[in-house]
Amino acid sequence: MNLRIWTQVTLLLAAALLFAVPAMAAVSVEDAAKLEAEAGAAECPDTFKVKFECSNGTFVAEFYKDWAPIGVQRMHDLVKDDFFNDARFFRVLDGFMAQFGIAGDPAKQTKWREKPLGVEPVTQSNTRGMISYAMMGSGAQPKQTTNNRTTQMFINFGDNSNLDPMGFAPIGKVVEGMEAVDGLYSGYGEGAPRGRGPAQDLIQSQGNKYLQEKFPKLDYIKTATVVTD
């Protein structure tokens, strides 16, 4: 595949990230920050690491509050709530990214999905190992006033800096065990309805019951814990 075609393909896949689920009403970034402060049990450290023990190996990611404070606070709150435990990497596209962040328990997913976040400025680039939030919307470039992030995130397999101007703001990066990320099962490809992979609305409503029955080969997070020195 030549560079021009590959660029077009990655742009198309990036656009697909923008309408994972229906968009919600718009709020300001300032209001979103207040919302997250109310939802979080405690303010997160400026920098912290999370150990992801997965079905195919382990990796460690580090998160930086000065990159995207609202998004990083949300990550910390989700880990503390055991949100990621037993959650699947439900959309893994070779050469592009691995997407995760829908809870295996629909009740827990609903709890956090009802607390959307505003978009933040992009201060880093979506290069290999960087972790960013997926966003909701209609496919148009997201605006800074839209609360279009909740819990879904993706890890970049390569240089996806073409996502930067679309508003995908990295919140952290994999610092250990990127080989485990590279080895995540990708055999199902793109999700429904574009591909034969999982349908996100059914993951949201049925959780792991749906995924275990229809997509048993998906790798998953056994536990995600904040690393303490």
Protein backbone atom coordinates (compact mmCIF):
# COMPACT_ATOMS: atom_id res chain seq x y z
CA MET A 1 0.00 0.00 0.00
CA ASN A 2 1.51 3.35 -1.02
CA LEU A 3 1.76 6.30 1.35
CA ARG A 4 -1.11 8.23 -0.22
CA ILE A 5 -3.56 5.35 0.08
CA TRP A 6 -2.41 4.57 3.63
CA THR A 7 -2.95 8.20 4.63
CA GLN A 8 -6.48 8.09 3.23
CA VAL A 9 -7.19 4.86 5.09
CA THR A 10 -5.96 6.20 8.43
CA LEU A 11 -7.98 9.38 8.01
CA LEU A 12 -11.10 7.30 7.34
CA LEU A 13 -10.45 5.18 10.41
CA ALA A 14 -9.85 8.29 12.48
CA ALA A 15 -13.19 9.69 11.38
CA ALA A 16 -14.85 6.47 12.53
CA LEU A 17 -13.61 7.19 16.05
CA LEU A 18 -15.64 10.40 16.05
CA PHE A 19 -19.05 8.77 16.02
CA ALA A 20 -18.65 5.75 18.25
CA VAL A 21 -21.88 6.64 20.06
CA PRO A 22 -24.41 9.51 19.65
CA ALA A 23 -23.19 12.95 20.63
CA MET A 24 -24.52 14.63 23.76
CA ALA A 25 -25.38 18.25 24.47
CA ALA A 26 -22.47 20.69 24.39
CA VAL A 27 -20.88 22.11 27.53
CA SER A 28 -17.85 24.32 28.01
CA VAL A 29 -14.44 22.96 28.95
CA GLU A 30 -14.73 24.87 32.25
CA ASP A 31 -18.05 23.18 33.07
CA ALA A 32 -16.57 19.80 32.15
CA ALA A 33 -13.71 20.41 34.57
CA LYS A 34 -16.21 21.12 37.34
CA LEU A 35 -18.13 17.98 36.42
CA GLU A 36 -15.00 15.85 36.70
CA ALA A 37 -14.04 17.45 40.00
CA GLU A 38 -17.44 16.46 41.38
CA ALA A 39 -17.15 12.92 40.00
CA GLY A 40 -13.60 12.28 41.22
CA ALA A 41 -12.90 11.07 44.74
CA ALA A 42 -9.55 12.87 44.95
CA GLU A 43 -7.33 15.00 42.77
CA CYS A 44 -4.81 12.88 40.91
CA PRO A 45 -1.03 13.37 41.08
CA ASP A 46 0.67 15.49 38.42
CA THR A 47 2.24 12.31 37.03
CA PHE A 48 1.36 8.70 37.74
CA LYS A 49 1.78 5.24 36.22
CA VAL A 50 -0.83 2.55 35.67
CA LYS A 51 0.02 -1.13 35.33
CA PHE A 52 -2.26 -2.99 32.93
CA GLU A 53 -2.14 -6.75 33.46
CA CYS A 54 -3.74 -8.22 30.36
CA SER A 55 -4.68 -11.62 28.99
CA ASN A 56 -1.64 -11.56 26.67
CA GLY A 57 0.93 -9.78 28.85
CA THR A 58 1.54 -6.61 30.86
CA PHE A 59 2.25 -3.00 29.99
CA VAL A 60 2.73 0.18 32.01
CA ALA A 61 1.52 3.61 30.93
CA GLU A 62 2.43 6.98 32.41
CA PHE A 63 -0.02 9.89 32.49
CA TYR A 64 0.82 13.59 32.69
CA LYS A 65 -1.62 16.13 34.07
CA ASP A 66 0.01 19.03 32.26
CA TRP A 67 -0.78 17.36 28.92
CA ALA A 68 -4.56 17.24 29.46
CA PRO A 69 -5.68 17.74 33.09
CA ILE A 70 -9.36 16.86 32.65
CA GLY A 71 -8.67 13.67 30.73
CA VAL A 72 -5.88 12.56 33.05
CA GLN A 73 -8.08 13.11 36.12
CA ARG A 74 -10.73 10.94 34.48
CA MET A 75 -8.20 8.17 33.81
CA HIS A 76 -7.15 8.21 37.47
CA ASP A 77 -10.77 8.09 38.64
CA LEU A 78 -11.58 5.18 36.31
CA VAL A 79 -8.62 3.14 37.52
CA LYS A 80 -9.53 3.79 41.16
CA ASP A 81 -13.09 2.61 40.40
CA ASP A 82 -11.77 -0.65 38.84
CA PHE A 83 -13.49 0.40 35.62
CA PHE A 84 -10.98 -1.28 33.30
CA ASN A 85 -10.86 -4.63 35.09
CA ASP A 86 -12.05 -7.35 32.69
CA ALA A 87 -12.62 -4.80 29.89
CA ARG A 88 -11.86 -5.89 26.32
CA PHE A 89 -9.68 -4.33 23.62
CA PHE A 90 -12.67 -4.40 21.34
CA ARG A 91 -11.29 -2.58 18.29
CA VAL A 92 -7.72 -3.42 17.30
CA LEU A 93 -6.62 -2.30 13.84
CA ASP A 94 -3.15 -3.41 12.72
CA GLY A 95 -0.83 -0.49 12.05
CA PHE A 96 -3.28 2.05 13.46
CA MET A 97 -4.51 1.68 17.05
CA ALA A 98 -6.02 -0.47 19.81
CA GLN A 99 -9.25 0.86 21.32
CA PHE A 100 -10.60 0.04 24.79
CA GLY A 101 -12.60 1.66 27.58
CA ILE A 102 -16.07 0.11 27.59
CA ALA A 103 -16.63 -1.60 30.92
CA GLY A 104 -17.50 -5.28 31.01
CA ASP A 105 -20.36 -4.42 33.38
CA PRO A 106 -23.08 -2.35 31.61
CA ALA A 107 -24.12 -0.70 34.89
CA LYS A 108 -20.61 0.60 35.50
CA GLN A 109 -20.39 1.76 31.89
CA THR A 110 -23.64 3.71 32.20
CA LYS A 111 -22.44 5.37 35.40
CA TRP A 112 -19.40 6.89 33.69
CA ARG A 113 -20.91 7.44 30.26
CA GLU A 114 -23.32 9.89 31.88
CA LYS A 115 -20.35 12.04 32.97
CA PRO A 116 -18.95 13.35 29.65
CA LEU A 117 -15.84 15.52 29.39
CA GLY A 118 -15.00 18.55 27.30
CA VAL A 119 -12.29 18.51 24.64
CA GLU A 120 -8.86 19.81 25.64
CA PRO A 121 -6.10 21.44 23.56
CA VAL A 122 -3.72 19.01 21.86
CA THR A 123 -0.31 19.52 23.46
CA GLN A 124 1.35 16.28 22.33
CA SER A 125 1.28 14.23 19.14
CA ASN A 126 -0.39 10.88 18.46
CA THR A 127 2.80 8.93 17.88
CA ARG A 128 3.61 5.31 18.74
CA GLY A 129 2.57 4.36 22.26
CA MET A 130 0.58 7.52 22.94
CA ILE A 131 -2.85 7.13 24.58
CA SER A 132 -5.76 9.41 23.65
CA TYR A 133 -9.53 9.46 24.14
CA ALA A 134 -11.87 8.43 21.37
CA MET A 135 -14.56 11.04 20.80
CA MET A 136 -18.26 11.12 20.02
CA GLY A 137 -19.77 13.17 17.22
CA SER A 138 -21.02 13.15 13.68
CA GLY A 139 -17.68 12.75 11.95
CA ALA A 140 -16.90 16.46 11.68
CA GLN A 141 -13.81 17.87 13.36
CA PRO A 142 -14.63 18.16 17.09
CA LYS A 143 -14.90 21.59 18.71
CA GLN A 144 -13.42 22.69 22.02
CA THR A 145 -16.93 23.36 23.40
CA THR A 146 -18.28 19.82 22.92
CA ASN A 147 -18.38 17.27 25.75
CA ASN A 148 -17.49 14.39 23.45
CA ARG A 149 -15.24 12.20 25.62
CA THR A 150 -16.27 9.68 28.25
CA THR A 151 -14.26 6.49 28.85
CA GLN A 152 -13.10 5.12 25.50
CA MET A 153 -9.40 5.45 24.66
CA PHE A 154 -6.94 4.17 22.13
CA ILE A 155 -3.24 3.37 22.01
CA ASN A 156 -1.41 4.36 18.83
CA PHE A 157 0.56 1.61 17.11
CA GLY A 158 2.49 4.05 14.93
CA ASP A 159 2.73 7.68 13.87
CA ASN A 160 -0.87 8.90 13.72
CA SER A 161 -0.03 12.58 13.95
CA ASN A 162 -2.72 13.21 11.33
CA LEU A 163 -5.15 12.86 14.27
CA ASP A 164 -3.67 15.88 16.06
CA PRO A 165 -5.54 18.59 14.13
CA MET A 166 -8.78 16.64 14.67
CA GLY A 167 -8.52 17.30 18.41
CA PHE A 168 -7.37 13.92 19.75
CA ALA A 169 -5.31 15.01 22.75
CA PRO A 170 -2.86 12.44 24.20
CA ILE A 171 -3.06 12.03 27.97
CA GLY A 172 -0.20 9.57 28.48
CA LYS A 173 2.03 7.00 26.86
CA VAL A 174 3.12 3.39 27.20
CA VAL A 175 6.50 3.35 28.93
CA GLU A 176 6.93 -0.41 29.43
CA GLY A 177 5.67 -3.49 27.62
CA MET A 178 4.68 -2.04 24.25
CA GLU A 179 5.20 -5.54 22.86
CA ALA A 180 2.08 -6.63 24.77
CA VAL A 181 0.11 -3.86 23.06
CA ASP A 182 1.50 -4.88 19.68
CA GLY A 183 0.38 -8.45 20.38
CA LEU A 184 -3.28 -7.70 21.13
CA TYR A 185 -5.67 -9.85 19.11
CA SER A 186 -6.70 -8.03 15.94
CA GLY A 187 -8.39 -10.80 13.98
CA TYR A 188 -11.89 -9.33 14.14
CA GLY A 189 -10.81 -6.06 12.50
CA GLU A 190 -13.10 -3.06 12.23
CA GLY A 191 -16.23 -3.01 14.32
CA ALA A 192 -19.80 -3.25 13.08
CA PRO A 193 -21.37 -1.94 10.92
CA ARG A 194 -18.22 -1.19 8.88
CA GLY A 195 -16.59 -4.51 9.66
CA ARG A 196 -17.18 -7.87 11.30
CA GLY A 197 -15.98 -6.81 14.74
CA PRO A 198 -18.07 -5.98 17.83
CA ALA A 199 -20.91 -3.44 17.71
CA GLN A 200 -20.27 -0.77 20.31
CA ASP A 201 -23.91 -0.27 21.17
CA LEU A 202 -24.19 -3.96 22.07
CA ILE A 203 -21.03 -3.80 24.18
CA GLN A 204 -22.55 -0.84 26.00
CA SER A 205 -25.85 -2.60 26.66
CA GLN A 206 -24.74 -6.23 27.17
CA GLY A 207 -21.12 -5.96 28.27
CA ASN A 208 -18.87 -9.00 28.41
CA LYS A 209 -21.76 -11.42 27.98
CA TYR A 210 -22.01 -10.28 24.36
CA LEU A 211 -18.26 -10.20 23.78
CA GLN A 212 -17.52 -13.57 25.34
CA GLU A 213 -20.23 -15.23 23.26
CA LYS A 214 -19.55 -13.56 19.90
CA PHE A 215 -15.88 -12.48 20.11
CA PRO A 216 -14.12 -14.88 22.49
CA LYS A 217 -10.63 -14.24 21.14
CA LEU A 218 -10.47 -10.60 22.20
CA ASP A 219 -7.68 -9.79 24.62
CA TYR A 220 -8.68 -7.98 27.79
CA ILE A 221 -7.41 -6.14 30.84
CA LYS A 222 -7.32 -8.37 33.90
CA THR A 223 -6.51 -5.54 36.26
CA ALA A 224 -5.44 -1.90 35.97
CA THR A 225 -3.80 -0.41 39.06
CA VAL A 226 -1.97 2.79 39.91
CA VAL A 227 1.69 1.99 40.51
CA THR A 228 2.94 3.06 43.92
CA ASP A 229 6.68 3.50 44.47
